[in-house]
Amino acid sequence: VYLYANGNKYEGEYKDNKRNGRGVYIHADGEKYEGEFIDDKMNGRGVYLFANGNKYEGEYKDNKMNGRGVYIHADREKYEGEFIDDKMNGRGVYLFANGNKYEGEYKDDKMNGRDGEKYEGEFIDDKMNGRGVYLFANGKKYEGECKDDKRNGRDVFFLAKGDKYEGEYKDDKRNGKGVFFFADGEKYEGEYKDNKKNGRGVYLFANGNKYEGEYKDDKMNGRGVYIHADGEKYEGEFIDDKMNGRGVYLFANGNKYEGEYKDDKRNGKGVYLYANGNNYEGEYKDNKRNGKGVYLYANGNNYEGEYKDNKRNGRGVYIHADGEKYEGEYKDDKRNGR
């Protein structure tokens, strides 16, 4: 047993006044090496416990990690493979704390070369560069081109829940044109910016509905056409996934509305043409006739006046086809007052 002035301690075998053979060297800061020595240096197999909680078990040469070994970090990340001069060099397997895994070549502590299990492809200077396949711990799979650890180019990305994206990437995000296949059968084909639908695109819904038009920030924004599975169709303006602005709506029963919308409802001025020949032109609020308007009946009658909740309310003029006329007050579609 040898106690050093600096607080270090060695207990083990000596030969020719030097540490030779097996021994334990304990540093004053708590670091500890247990293994083989040659000429006062760590040589052969040994275990080194670092003050920060890391641990190395493997081969040494001239006081440095050289040969095969296992390095376990305090955060449980782990490297098993080849070392040269205290650095990962050669082939090895690295298990990341988040569950990802790299198996391949290293140079000076950095990933270099081809091959892999979780990532299979090309590396340059510890970064994914070139084509490759990356299998994520959560089940996602990316197949395509990388530049400086980011997805770039036209690629295929399989997501964990069964979704799939095939298209262009830039700076690790969906940018440009692409097709996104959802696990539930929905599909989007169009333009992306920073992982969001931006520009023109076509979206097919699982229920059979279809939208073709403009997107901004992942939502229908701008002009577009929305076709329902039952044949109903809206063509006009959208804001944040809702009909907002002017548009034309064709109903399955043959009715047609052309006018203003707000939050998916008829709001403002518009014209409603009924399949039976009736038509209304006037003001709407929350899908109902509210305000002033003119209603022309197929039988020749017509009403011009005020509405509330789809009924004649307030002052108005009702003219019959035979010339009879009423001008006065209404309440709930009935003549009321003077």
C-alpha atoms as a PDB file:
ATOM      1  CA  VAL A   1       0.000   0.000   0.000  1.00  0.00           C
ATOM      2  CA  TYR A   2       1.396   3.360  -0.998  1.00  0.00           C
ATOM      3  CA  LEU A   3      -0.041   6.672   0.254  1.00  0.00           C
ATOM      4  CA  TYR A   4       0.880   9.706  -1.839  1.00  0.00           C
ATOM      5  CA  ALA A   5       1.402  13.223  -0.509  1.00  0.00           C
ATOM      6  CA  ASN A   6      -1.464  14.517  -2.679  1.00  0.00           C
ATOM      7  CA  GLY A   7      -3.917  12.134  -1.030  1.00  0.00           C
ATOM      8  CA  ASN A   8      -3.884   9.449  -3.701  1.00  0.00           C
ATOM      9  CA  LYS A   9      -3.526   5.816  -2.686  1.00  0.00           C
ATOM     10  CA  TYR A  10      -2.304   2.649  -4.417  1.00  0.00           C
ATOM     11  CA  GLU A  11      -2.802  -0.877  -3.195  1.00  0.00           C
ATOM     12  CA  GLY A  12      -1.511  -3.740  -5.282  1.00  0.00           C
ATOM     13  CA  GLU A  13       1.452  -5.462  -6.888  1.00  0.00           C
ATOM     14  CA  TYR A  14       4.929  -4.047  -7.534  1.00  0.00           C
ATOM     15  CA  LYS A  15       7.887  -5.129  -9.606  1.00  0.00           C
ATOM     16  CA  ASP A  16      11.199  -3.292  -9.958  1.00  0.00           C
ATOM     17  CA  ASN A  17       9.865  -0.516  -7.731  1.00  0.00           C
ATOM     18  CA  LYS A  18       6.982   0.164 -10.095  1.00  0.00           C
ATOM     19  CA  ARG A  19       3.328  -0.693 -10.168  1.00  0.00           C
ATOM     20  CA  ASN A  20       3.202  -3.941 -12.097  1.00  0.00           C
ATOM     21  CA  GLY A  21       0.414  -6.486 -12.035  1.00  0.00           C
ATOM     22  CA  ARG A  22      -3.006  -6.024 -10.489  1.00  0.00           C
ATOM     23  CA  GLY A  23      -3.841  -3.136  -8.234  1.00  0.00           C
ATOM     24  CA  VAL A  24      -6.249  -0.442  -7.114  1.00  0.00           C
ATOM     25  CA  TYR A  25      -5.431   3.248  -7.509  1.00  0.00           C
ATOM     26  CA  ILE A  26      -7.693   5.686  -5.645  1.00  0.00           C
ATOM     27  CA  HIS A  27      -7.464   9.423  -6.328  1.00  0.00           C
ATOM     28  CA  ALA A  28      -8.020  12.053  -3.678  1.00  0.00           C
ATOM     29  CA  ASP A  29     -11.114  13.293  -5.583  1.00  0.00           C
ATOM     30  CA  GLY A  30     -12.700   9.850  -5.368  1.00  0.00           C
ATOM     31  CA  GLU A  31     -11.839   8.548  -8.818  1.00  0.00           C
ATOM     32  CA  LYS A  32     -10.749   4.943  -8.779  1.00  0.00           C
ATOM     33  CA  TYR A  33      -8.991   2.509 -11.114  1.00  0.00           C
ATOM     34  CA  GLU A  34      -8.914  -1.214 -10.496  1.00  0.00           C
ATOM     35  CA  GLY A  35      -7.015  -3.384 -12.918  1.00  0.00           C
ATOM     36  CA  GLU A  36      -3.666  -4.146 -14.474  1.00  0.00           C
ATOM     37  CA  PHE A  37      -0.494  -2.047 -14.423  1.00  0.00           C
ATOM     38  CA  ILE A  38       2.776  -2.164 -16.357  1.00  0.00           C
ATOM     39  CA  ASP A  39       5.639   0.179 -15.447  1.00  0.00           C
ATOM     40  CA  ASP A  40       3.486   2.467 -13.300  1.00  0.00           C
ATOM     41  CA  LYS A  41       0.884   2.894 -16.042  1.00  0.00           C
ATOM     42  CA  MET A  42      -2.561   1.464 -16.592  1.00  0.00           C
ATOM     43  CA  ASN A  43      -2.016  -1.317 -19.101  1.00  0.00           C
ATOM     44  CA  GLY A  44      -4.288  -4.257 -19.791  1.00  0.00           C
ATOM     45  CA  ARG A  45      -7.829  -4.650 -18.534  1.00  0.00           C
ATOM     46  CA  GLY A  46      -9.322  -2.473 -15.866  1.00  0.00           C
ATOM     47  CA  VAL A  47     -12.295  -0.587 -14.463  1.00  0.00           C
ATOM     48  CA  TYR A  48     -12.219   3.190 -13.953  1.00  0.00           C
ATOM     49  CA  LEU A  49     -14.830   5.031 -11.886  1.00  0.00           C
ATOM     50  CA  PHE A  50     -14.917   8.786 -12.598  1.00  0.00           C
ATOM     51  CA  ALA A  51     -15.812  11.467 -10.075  1.00  0.00           C
ATOM     52  CA  ASN A  52     -18.791  12.576 -12.229  1.00  0.00           C
ATOM     53  CA  GLY A  53     -20.369   9.118 -12.042  1.00  0.00           C
ATOM     54  CA  ASN A  54     -19.169   7.829 -15.409  1.00  0.00           C
ATOM     55  CA  LYS A  55     -17.594   4.391 -15.642  1.00  0.00           C
ATOM     56  CA  TYR A  56     -15.218   2.690 -18.075  1.00  0.00           C
ATOM     57  CA  GLU A  57     -14.496  -1.006 -18.222  1.00  0.00           C
ATOM     58  CA  GLY A  58     -12.086  -2.321 -20.801  1.00  0.00           C
ATOM     59  CA  GLU A  59      -8.570  -2.232 -22.157  1.00  0.00           C
ATOM     60  CA  TYR A  60      -5.829   0.298 -21.393  1.00  0.00           C
ATOM     61  CA  LYS A  61      -2.473   1.107 -22.910  1.00  0.00           C
ATOM     62  CA  ASP A  62      -0.060   3.705 -21.530  1.00  0.00           C
ATOM     63  CA  ASN A  63      -2.633   5.159 -19.132  1.00  0.00           C
ATOM     64  CA  LYS A  64      -5.254   5.678 -21.842  1.00  0.00           C
ATOM     65  CA  MET A  65      -8.303   3.789 -23.007  1.00  0.00           C
ATOM     66  CA  ASN A  66      -7.051   1.734 -25.929  1.00  0.00           C
ATOM     67  CA  GLY A  67      -8.716  -1.318 -27.404  1.00  0.00           C
ATOM     68  CA  ARG A  68     -12.205  -2.576 -26.664  1.00  0.00           C
ATOM     69  CA  GLY A  69     -14.243  -1.265 -23.796  1.00  0.00           C
ATOM     70  CA  VAL A  70     -17.575  -0.138 -22.393  1.00  0.00           C
ATOM     71  CA  TYR A  71     -18.106   3.481 -21.306  1.00  0.00           C
ATOM     72  CA  ILE A  72     -21.244   4.159 -19.265  1.00  0.00           C
ATOM     73  CA  HIS A  73     -22.306   7.742 -18.571  1.00  0.00           C
ATOM     74  CA  ALA A  74     -24.001   8.831 -15.371  1.00  0.00           C
ATOM     75  CA  ASP A  75     -27.171   9.565 -17.399  1.00  0.00           C
ATOM     76  CA  ARG A  76     -27.120   5.884 -18.537  1.00  0.00           C
ATOM     77  CA  GLU A  77     -25.937   6.606 -22.073  1.00  0.00           C
ATOM     78  CA  LYS A  78     -23.580   3.843 -23.080  1.00  0.00           C
ATOM     79  CA  TYR A  79     -20.879   3.195 -25.666  1.00  0.00           C
ATOM     80  CA  GLU A  80     -19.468  -0.238 -26.356  1.00  0.00           C
ATOM     81  CA  GLY A  81     -16.705  -0.569 -28.892  1.00  0.00           C
ATOM     82  CA  GLU A  82     -13.179   0.440 -29.787  1.00  0.00           C
ATOM     83  CA  PHE A  83     -11.030   3.186 -28.264  1.00  0.00           C
ATOM     84  CA  ILE A  84      -7.783   4.872 -29.265  1.00  0.00           C
ATOM     85  CA  ASP A  85      -6.066   7.335 -26.907  1.00  0.00           C
ATOM     86  CA  ASP A  86      -9.114   7.870 -24.691  1.00  0.00           C
ATOM     87  CA  LYS A  87     -11.449   8.529 -27.636  1.00  0.00           C
ATOM     88  CA  MET A  88     -14.035   6.450 -29.452  1.00  0.00           C
ATOM     89  CA  ASN A  89     -12.301   5.247 -32.601  1.00  0.00           C
ATOM     90  CA  GLY A  90     -13.280   2.335 -34.805  1.00  0.00           C
ATOM     91  CA  ARG A  91     -16.535   0.412 -34.617  1.00  0.00           C
ATOM     92  CA  GLY A  92     -18.964   0.715 -31.761  1.00  0.00           C
ATOM     93  CA  VAL A  93     -22.539   0.867 -30.532  1.00  0.00           C
ATOM     94  CA  TYR A  94     -23.908   3.940 -28.749  1.00  0.00           C
ATOM     95  CA  LEU A  95     -27.171   3.819 -26.800  1.00  0.00           C
ATOM     96  CA  PHE A  96     -28.664   7.269 -26.198  1.00  0.00           C
ATOM     97  CA  ALA A  97     -30.646   8.226 -23.117  1.00  0.00           C
ATOM     98  CA  ASN A  98     -33.768   8.863 -25.266  1.00  0.00           C
ATOM     99  CA  GLY A  99     -33.719   5.286 -26.580  1.00  0.00           C
ATOM    100  CA  ASN A 100     -32.070   5.956 -29.930  1.00  0.00           C
ATOM    101  CA  LYS A 101     -29.180   3.759 -30.982  1.00  0.00           C
ATOM    102  CA  TYR A 102     -26.231   4.211 -33.315  1.00  0.00           C
ATOM    103  CA  GLU A 103     -24.113   1.324 -34.531  1.00  0.00           C
ATOM    104  CA  GLY A 104     -21.215   2.109 -36.801  1.00  0.00           C
ATOM    105  CA  GLU A 105     -17.841   3.763 -37.087  1.00  0.00           C
ATOM    106  CA  TYR A 106     -16.259   6.473 -34.952  1.00  0.00           C
ATOM    107  CA  LYS A 107     -13.338   8.800 -35.395  1.00  0.00           C
ATOM    108  CA  ASP A 108     -12.034  10.954 -32.530  1.00  0.00           C
ATOM    109  CA  ASP A 109     -15.270  10.631 -30.546  1.00  0.00           C
ATOM    110  CA  LYS A 110     -17.444  11.436 -33.579  1.00  0.00           C
ATOM    111  CA  MET A 111     -19.654   9.233 -35.733  1.00  0.00           C
ATOM    112  CA  ASN A 112     -18.096   8.695 -39.157  1.00  0.00           C
ATOM    113  CA  GLY A 113     -18.705   6.323 -42.042  1.00  0.00           C
ATOM    114  CA  ARG A 114     -21.582   4.032 -43.073  1.00  0.00           C
ATOM    115  CA  ASP A 115     -23.714   1.395 -41.433  1.00  0.00           C
ATOM    116  CA  GLY A 116     -26.171   1.507 -38.597  1.00  0.00           C
ATOM    117  CA  GLU A 117     -29.132  -0.065 -36.880  1.00  0.00           C
ATOM    118  CA  LYS A 118     -31.138   2.875 -35.677  1.00  0.00           C
ATOM    119  CA  TYR A 119     -29.508   5.052 -38.310  1.00  0.00           C
ATOM    120  CA  GLU A 120     -28.153   3.414 -41.405  1.00  0.00           C
ATOM    121  CA  GLY A 121     -26.481   5.767 -43.797  1.00  0.00           C
ATOM    122  CA  GLU A 122     -23.711   8.250 -44.251  1.00  0.00           C
ATOM    123  CA  PHE A 123     -21.971  10.362 -41.608  1.00  0.00           C
ATOM    124  CA  ILE A 124     -19.492  13.201 -41.916  1.00  0.00           C
ATOM    125  CA  ASP A 125     -18.018  14.837 -38.811  1.00  0.00           C
ATOM    126  CA  ASP A 126     -20.506  13.280 -36.395  1.00  0.00           C
ATOM    127  CA  LYS A 127     -23.476  14.427 -38.449  1.00  0.00           C
ATOM    128  CA  MET A 128     -25.849  12.637 -40.773  1.00  0.00           C
ATOM    129  CA  ASN A 129     -24.904  13.644 -44.300  1.00  0.00           C
ATOM    130  CA  GLY A 130     -26.097  11.917 -47.449  1.00  0.00           C
ATOM    131  CA  ARG A 131     -28.755   9.239 -47.775  1.00  0.00           C
ATOM    132  CA  GLY A 132     -29.820   7.059 -44.911  1.00  0.00           C
ATOM    133  CA  VAL A 133     -32.524   5.320 -42.945  1.00  0.00           C
ATOM    134  CA  TYR A 134     -33.250   6.381 -39.371  1.00  0.00           C
ATOM    135  CA  LEU A 135     -35.339   4.216 -37.070  1.00  0.00           C
ATOM    136  CA  PHE A 136     -36.528   6.190 -34.055  1.00  0.00           C
ATOM    137  CA  ALA A 137     -37.078   4.620 -30.649  1.00  0.00           C
ATOM    138  CA  ASN A 138     -40.771   5.557 -30.779  1.00  0.00           C
ATOM    139  CA  GLY A 139     -41.282   3.616 -34.003  1.00  0.00           C
ATOM    140  CA  LYS A 140     -40.859   6.423 -36.500  1.00  0.00           C
ATOM    141  CA  LYS A 141     -38.828   5.748 -39.599  1.00  0.00           C
ATOM    142  CA  TYR A 142     -37.161   8.253 -41.899  1.00  0.00           C
ATOM    143  CA  GLU A 143     -35.751   7.283 -45.244  1.00  0.00           C
ATOM    144  CA  GLY A 144     -34.020   9.870 -47.391  1.00  0.00           C
ATOM    145  CA  GLU A 145     -31.392  12.568 -47.552  1.00  0.00           C
ATOM    146  CA  CYS A 146     -29.722  14.410 -44.688  1.00  0.00           C
ATOM    147  CA  LYS A 147     -27.451  17.393 -44.427  1.00  0.00           C
ATOM    148  CA  ASP A 148     -25.735  18.350 -41.177  1.00  0.00           C
ATOM    149  CA  ASP A 149     -28.075  16.132 -39.114  1.00  0.00           C
ATOM    150  CA  LYS A 150     -31.187  17.602 -40.738  1.00  0.00           C
ATOM    151  CA  ARG A 151     -33.578  16.136 -43.263  1.00  0.00           C
ATOM    152  CA  ASN A 152     -33.119  17.764 -46.656  1.00  0.00           C
ATOM    153  CA  GLY A 153     -34.320  16.787 -50.108  1.00  0.00           C
ATOM    154  CA  ARG A 154     -37.151  14.522 -51.212  1.00  0.00           C
ATOM    155  CA  ASP A 155     -37.728  11.720 -48.755  1.00  0.00           C
ATOM    156  CA  VAL A 156     -40.119   9.319 -47.054  1.00  0.00           C
ATOM    157  CA  PHE A 157     -40.949   9.592 -43.355  1.00  0.00           C
ATOM    158  CA  PHE A 158     -42.964   6.878 -41.597  1.00  0.00           C
ATOM    159  CA  LEU A 159     -44.459   8.081 -38.317  1.00  0.00           C
ATOM    160  CA  ALA A 160     -45.106   5.923 -35.269  1.00  0.00           C
ATOM    161  CA  LYS A 161     -48.897   5.873 -35.408  1.00  0.00           C
ATOM    162  CA  GLY A 162     -48.968   4.696 -39.016  1.00  0.00           C
ATOM    163  CA  ASP A 163     -48.866   8.050 -40.789  1.00  0.00           C
ATOM    164  CA  LYS A 164     -46.520   8.502 -43.729  1.00  0.00           C
ATOM    165  CA  TYR A 165     -45.050  11.559 -45.416  1.00  0.00           C
ATOM    166  CA  GLU A 166     -43.436  11.471 -48.824  1.00  0.00           C
ATOM    167  CA  GLY A 167     -42.020  14.716 -50.105  1.00  0.00           C
ATOM    168  CA  GLU A 168     -39.510  17.494 -49.746  1.00  0.00           C
ATOM    169  CA  TYR A 169     -37.579  18.540 -46.640  1.00  0.00           C
ATOM    170  CA  LYS A 170     -35.437  21.522 -45.804  1.00  0.00           C
ATOM    171  CA  ASP A 171     -33.712  22.114 -42.467  1.00  0.00           C
ATOM    172  CA  ASP A 172     -35.314  19.028 -40.921  1.00  0.00           C
ATOM    173  CA  LYS A 173     -38.847  20.231 -41.700  1.00  0.00           C
ATOM    174  CA  ARG A 174     -41.430  19.560 -44.383  1.00  0.00           C
ATOM    175  CA  ASN A 175     -40.836  22.297 -46.935  1.00  0.00           C
ATOM    176  CA  GLY A 176     -41.967  22.275 -50.546  1.00  0.00           C
ATOM    177  CA  LYS A 177     -44.332  19.764 -52.111  1.00  0.00           C
ATOM    178  CA  GLY A 178     -45.313  16.497 -50.508  1.00  0.00           C
ATOM    179  CA  VAL A 179     -47.968  13.899 -49.781  1.00  0.00           C
ATOM    180  CA  PHE A 180     -49.036  13.052 -46.224  1.00  0.00           C
ATOM    181  CA  PHE A 181     -50.903   9.773 -45.715  1.00  0.00           C
ATOM    182  CA  PHE A 182     -52.755   9.554 -42.401  1.00  0.00           C
ATOM    183  CA  ALA A 183     -53.319   6.238 -40.650  1.00  0.00           C
ATOM    184  CA  ASP A 184     -57.094   6.818 -40.667  1.00  0.00           C
ATOM    185  CA  GLY A 185     -57.116   7.044 -44.469  1.00  0.00           C
ATOM    186  CA  GLU A 186     -57.038  10.813 -44.832  1.00  0.00           C
ATOM    187  CA  LYS A 187     -54.573  12.286 -47.308  1.00  0.00           C
ATOM    188  CA  TYR A 188     -53.062  15.686 -48.034  1.00  0.00           C
ATOM    189  CA  GLU A 189     -51.150  16.494 -51.193  1.00  0.00           C
ATOM    190  CA  GLY A 190     -49.715  19.937 -51.627  1.00  0.00           C
ATOM    191  CA  GLU A 191     -47.287  22.527 -50.374  1.00  0.00           C
ATOM    192  CA  TYR A 192     -45.592  22.791 -46.975  1.00  0.00           C
ATOM    193  CA  LYS A 193     -43.629  25.402 -45.099  1.00  0.00           C
ATOM    194  CA  ASP A 194     -41.923  24.634 -41.791  1.00  0.00           C
ATOM    195  CA  ASN A 195     -43.912  21.423 -41.232  1.00  0.00           C
ATOM    196  CA  LYS A 196     -47.259  23.138 -41.854  1.00  0.00           C
ATOM    197  CA  LYS A 197     -49.590  23.102 -44.828  1.00  0.00           C
ATOM    198  CA  ASN A 198     -48.922  26.375 -46.628  1.00  0.00           C
ATOM    199  CA  GLY A 199     -49.813  27.218 -50.213  1.00  0.00           C
ATOM    200  CA  ARG A 200     -52.084  25.184 -52.456  1.00  0.00           C
ATOM    201  CA  GLY A 201     -53.146  21.662 -51.632  1.00  0.00           C
ATOM    202  CA  VAL A 202     -55.783  18.940 -51.801  1.00  0.00           C
ATOM    203  CA  TYR A 203     -57.106  17.242 -48.663  1.00  0.00           C
ATOM    204  CA  LEU A 204     -59.156  14.052 -48.778  1.00  0.00           C
ATOM    205  CA  PHE A 205     -61.071  13.386 -45.553  1.00  0.00           C
ATOM    206  CA  ALA A 206     -61.870   9.941 -44.168  1.00  0.00           C
ATOM    207  CA  ASN A 207     -65.617  10.669 -44.419  1.00  0.00           C
ATOM    208  CA  GLY A 208     -65.371  11.267 -48.173  1.00  0.00           C
ATOM    209  CA  ASN A 209     -65.230  15.064 -48.083  1.00  0.00           C
ATOM    210  CA  LYS A 210     -62.619  16.888 -50.154  1.00  0.00           C
ATOM    211  CA  TYR A 211     -60.986  20.310 -50.002  1.00  0.00           C
ATOM    212  CA  GLU A 212     -58.915  21.853 -52.761  1.00  0.00           C
ATOM    213  CA  GLY A 213     -57.465  25.289 -52.303  1.00  0.00           C
ATOM    214  CA  GLU A 214     -55.173  27.500 -50.287  1.00  0.00           C
ATOM    215  CA  TYR A 215     -53.631  26.827 -46.872  1.00  0.00           C
ATOM    216  CA  LYS A 216     -51.814  28.945 -44.332  1.00  0.00           C
ATOM    217  CA  ASP A 217     -50.377  27.699 -41.031  1.00  0.00           C
ATOM    218  CA  ASP A 218     -51.934  24.244 -41.414  1.00  0.00           C
ATOM    219  CA  LYS A 219     -55.455  25.610 -41.922  1.00  0.00           C
ATOM    220  CA  MET A 220     -57.695  26.377 -44.873  1.00  0.00           C
ATOM    221  CA  ASN A 221     -57.037  30.043 -45.555  1.00  0.00           C
ATOM    222  CA  GLY A 222     -57.753  31.879 -48.795  1.00  0.00           C
ATOM    223  CA  ARG A 223     -59.844  30.651 -51.709  1.00  0.00           C
ATOM    224  CA  GLY A 224     -60.862  27.048 -52.033  1.00  0.00           C
ATOM    225  CA  VAL A 225     -63.481  24.453 -52.931  1.00  0.00           C
ATOM    226  CA  TYR A 226     -64.952  22.132 -50.298  1.00  0.00           C
ATOM    227  CA  ILE A 227     -66.975  19.185 -51.609  1.00  0.00           C
ATOM    228  CA  HIS A 228     -69.002  17.027 -49.221  1.00  0.00           C
ATOM    229  CA  ALA A 229     -69.486  13.306 -49.722  1.00  0.00           C
ATOM    230  CA  ASP A 230     -73.214  13.881 -50.308  1.00  0.00           C
ATOM    231  CA  GLY A 231     -72.456  16.236 -53.204  1.00  0.00           C
ATOM    232  CA  GLU A 232     -72.860  19.551 -51.401  1.00  0.00           C
ATOM    233  CA  LYS A 233     -70.227  22.051 -52.469  1.00  0.00           C
ATOM    234  CA  TYR A 234     -68.838  25.362 -51.257  1.00  0.00           C
ATOM    235  CA  GLU A 235     -66.577  27.527 -53.374  1.00  0.00           C
ATOM    236  CA  GLY A 236     -65.222  30.687 -51.864  1.00  0.00           C
ATOM    237  CA  GLU A 237     -63.119  32.167 -49.102  1.00  0.00           C
ATOM    238  CA  PHE A 238     -61.832  30.508 -45.931  1.00  0.00           C
ATOM    239  CA  ILE A 239     -60.238  31.780 -42.731  1.00  0.00           C
ATOM    240  CA  ASP A 240     -58.856  29.333 -40.151  1.00  0.00           C
ATOM    241  CA  ASP A 241     -60.636  26.271 -41.542  1.00  0.00           C
ATOM    242  CA  LYS A 242     -64.031  27.995 -41.702  1.00  0.00           C
ATOM    243  CA  MET A 243     -66.086  29.599 -44.451  1.00  0.00           C
ATOM    244  CA  ASN A 244     -65.418  33.312 -44.089  1.00  0.00           C
ATOM    245  CA  GLY A 245     -65.952  35.982 -46.724  1.00  0.00           C
ATOM    246  CA  ARG A 246     -67.850  35.566 -49.988  1.00  0.00           C
ATOM    247  CA  GLY A 247     -68.749  32.217 -51.437  1.00  0.00           C
ATOM    248  CA  VAL A 248     -71.228  30.007 -53.271  1.00  0.00           C
ATOM    249  CA  TYR A 249     -72.839  26.983 -51.622  1.00  0.00           C
ATOM    250  CA  LEU A 250     -74.665  24.309 -53.615  1.00  0.00           C
ATOM    251  CA  PHE A 251     -76.917  22.105 -51.478  1.00  0.00           C
ATOM    252  CA  ALA A 252     -77.685  18.446 -52.127  1.00  0.00           C
ATOM    253  CA  ASN A 253     -81.406  19.271 -52.473  1.00  0.00           C
ATOM    254  CA  GLY A 254     -80.738  21.692 -55.338  1.00  0.00           C
ATOM    255  CA  ASN A 255     -80.807  24.923 -53.329  1.00  0.00           C
ATOM    256  CA  LYS A 256     -78.058  27.489 -53.858  1.00  0.00           C
ATOM    257  CA  TYR A 257     -76.703  30.322 -51.738  1.00  0.00           C
ATOM    258  CA  GLU A 258     -74.353  33.037 -52.943  1.00  0.00           C
ATOM    259  CA  GLY A 259     -73.153  35.632 -50.495  1.00  0.00           C
ATOM    260  CA  GLU A 260     -71.270  36.351 -47.308  1.00  0.00           C
ATOM    261  CA  TYR A 261     -70.135  33.917 -44.602  1.00  0.00           C
ATOM    262  CA  LYS A 262     -68.711  34.253 -41.122  1.00  0.00           C
ATOM    263  CA  ASP A 263     -67.483  31.287 -39.064  1.00  0.00           C
ATOM    264  CA  ASP A 264     -69.151  28.703 -41.308  1.00  0.00           C
ATOM    265  CA  LYS A 265     -72.550  30.423 -41.244  1.00  0.00           C
ATOM    266  CA  ARG A 266     -74.427  32.712 -43.597  1.00  0.00           C
ATOM    267  CA  ASN A 267     -73.805  36.189 -42.195  1.00  0.00           C
ATOM    268  CA  GLY A 268     -74.204  39.446 -44.071  1.00  0.00           C
ATOM    269  CA  LYS A 269     -75.835  39.893 -47.465  1.00  0.00           C
ATOM    270  CA  GLY A 270     -76.641  37.094 -49.835  1.00  0.00           C
ATOM    271  CA  VAL A 271     -78.974  35.490 -52.361  1.00  0.00           C
ATOM    272  CA  TYR A 272     -80.658  32.149 -51.678  1.00  0.00           C
ATOM    273  CA  LEU A 273     -82.175  30.331 -54.664  1.00  0.00           C
ATOM    274  CA  TYR A 274     -84.522  27.464 -53.782  1.00  0.00           C
ATOM    275  CA  ALA A 275     -84.991  24.414 -55.981  1.00  0.00           C
ATOM    276  CA  ASN A 276     -88.775  25.018 -55.912  1.00  0.00           C
ATOM    277  CA  GLY A 277     -88.388  28.413 -57.606  1.00  0.00           C
ATOM    278  CA  ASN A 278     -88.523  30.639 -54.525  1.00  0.00           C
ATOM    279  CA  ASN A 279     -85.634  33.019 -53.901  1.00  0.00           C
ATOM    280  CA  TYR A 280     -84.535  35.392 -51.175  1.00  0.00           C
ATOM    281  CA  GLU A 281     -82.139  38.327 -51.418  1.00  0.00           C
ATOM    282  CA  GLY A 282     -81.174  40.157 -48.283  1.00  0.00           C
ATOM    283  CA  GLU A 283     -79.473  39.991 -44.925  1.00  0.00           C
ATOM    284  CA  TYR A 284     -78.502  36.959 -42.843  1.00  0.00           C
ATOM    285  CA  LYS A 285     -77.319  36.290 -39.326  1.00  0.00           C
ATOM    286  CA  ASP A 286     -76.217  32.835 -38.131  1.00  0.00           C
ATOM    287  CA  ASN A 287     -77.710  31.054 -41.153  1.00  0.00           C
ATOM    288  CA  LYS A 288     -81.126  32.688 -40.752  1.00  0.00           C
ATOM    289  CA  ARG A 289     -82.867  35.538 -42.536  1.00  0.00           C
ATOM    290  CA  ASN A 290     -82.319  38.522 -40.261  1.00  0.00           C
ATOM    291  CA  GLY A 291     -82.623  42.161 -41.262  1.00  0.00           C
ATOM    292  CA  LYS A 292     -84.016  43.537 -44.507  1.00  0.00           C
ATOM    293  CA  GLY A 293     -84.740  41.368 -47.500  1.00  0.00           C
ATOM    294  CA  VAL A 294     -86.901  40.518 -50.495  1.00  0.00           C
ATOM    295  CA  TYR A 295     -88.565  37.118 -50.870  1.00  0.00           C
ATOM    296  CA  LEU A 296     -89.966  36.131 -54.280  1.00  0.00           C
ATOM    297  CA  TYR A 297     -92.293  33.121 -54.294  1.00  0.00           C
ATOM    298  CA  ALA A 298     -92.634  30.754 -57.231  1.00  0.00           C
ATOM    299  CA  ASN A 299     -96.395  31.440 -57.298  1.00  0.00           C
ATOM    300  CA  GLY A 300     -95.820  35.139 -57.994  1.00  0.00           C
ATOM    301  CA  ASN A 301     -96.252  36.466 -54.462  1.00  0.00           C
ATOM    302  CA  ASN A 302     -93.477  38.583 -52.988  1.00  0.00           C
ATOM    303  CA  TYR A 303     -92.521  40.100 -49.664  1.00  0.00           C
ATOM    304  CA  GLU A 304     -90.174  43.007 -49.014  1.00  0.00           C
ATOM    305  CA  GLY A 305     -89.391  43.994 -45.470  1.00  0.00           C
ATOM    306  CA  GLU A 306     -87.855  42.948 -42.184  1.00  0.00           C
ATOM    307  CA  TYR A 307     -86.967  39.463 -40.947  1.00  0.00           C
ATOM    308  CA  LYS A 308     -85.976  37.934 -37.639  1.00  0.00           C
ATOM    309  CA  ASP A 309     -84.973  34.281 -37.193  1.00  0.00           C
ATOM    310  CA  ASN A 310     -86.201  33.315 -40.666  1.00  0.00           C
ATOM    311  CA  LYS A 311     -89.664  34.810 -40.159  1.00  0.00           C
ATOM    312  CA  ARG A 312     -91.337  38.053 -41.199  1.00  0.00           C
ATOM    313  CA  ASN A 313     -90.961  40.335 -38.199  1.00  0.00           C
ATOM    314  CA  GLY A 314     -91.256  44.107 -38.246  1.00  0.00           C
ATOM    315  CA  ARG A 315     -92.502  46.261 -41.107  1.00  0.00           C
ATOM    316  CA  GLY A 316     -93.004  44.890 -44.561  1.00  0.00           C
ATOM    317  CA  VAL A 317     -95.019  44.796 -47.772  1.00  0.00           C
ATOM    318  CA  TYR A 318     -96.610  41.579 -49.028  1.00  0.00           C
ATOM    319  CA  ILE A 319     -97.957  41.622 -52.594  1.00  0.00           C
ATOM    320  CA  HIS A 320    -100.011  38.716 -53.909  1.00  0.00           C
ATOM    321  CA  ALA A 321     -99.866  37.549 -57.502  1.00  0.00           C
ATOM    322  CA  ASP A 322    -103.473  38.704 -57.995  1.00  0.00           C
ATOM    323  CA  GLY A 323    -102.549  42.245 -56.947  1.00  0.00           C
ATOM    324  CA  GLU A 324    -103.715  42.145 -53.337  1.00  0.00           C
ATOM    325  CA  LYS A 325    -101.316  43.950 -51.055  1.00  0.00           C
ATOM    326  CA  TYR A 326    -100.634  44.260 -47.338  1.00  0.00           C
ATOM    327  CA  GLU A 327     -98.317  46.883 -45.884  1.00  0.00           C
ATOM    328  CA  GLY A 328     -97.766  46.958 -42.156  1.00  0.00           C
ATOM    329  CA  GLU A 329     -96.390  45.094 -39.147  1.00  0.00           C
ATOM    330  CA  TYR A 330     -95.551  41.400 -38.872  1.00  0.00           C
ATOM    331  CA  LYS A 331     -94.807  39.097 -35.982  1.00  0.00           C
ATOM    332  CA  ASP A 332     -93.629  35.518 -36.546  1.00  0.00           C
ATOM    333  CA  ASP A 333     -94.839  35.514 -40.175  1.00  0.00           C
ATOM    334  CA  LYS A 334     -98.305  36.821 -39.239  1.00  0.00           C
ATOM    335  CA  ARG A 335     -99.854  40.236 -39.796  1.00  0.00           C
ATOM    336  CA  ASN A 336     -99.742  42.000 -36.473  1.00  0.00           C
ATOM    337  CA  GLY A 337    -100.437  45.614 -35.490  1.00  0.00           C
ATOM    338  CA  ARG A 338    -101.248  48.388 -37.953  1.00  0.00           C
END
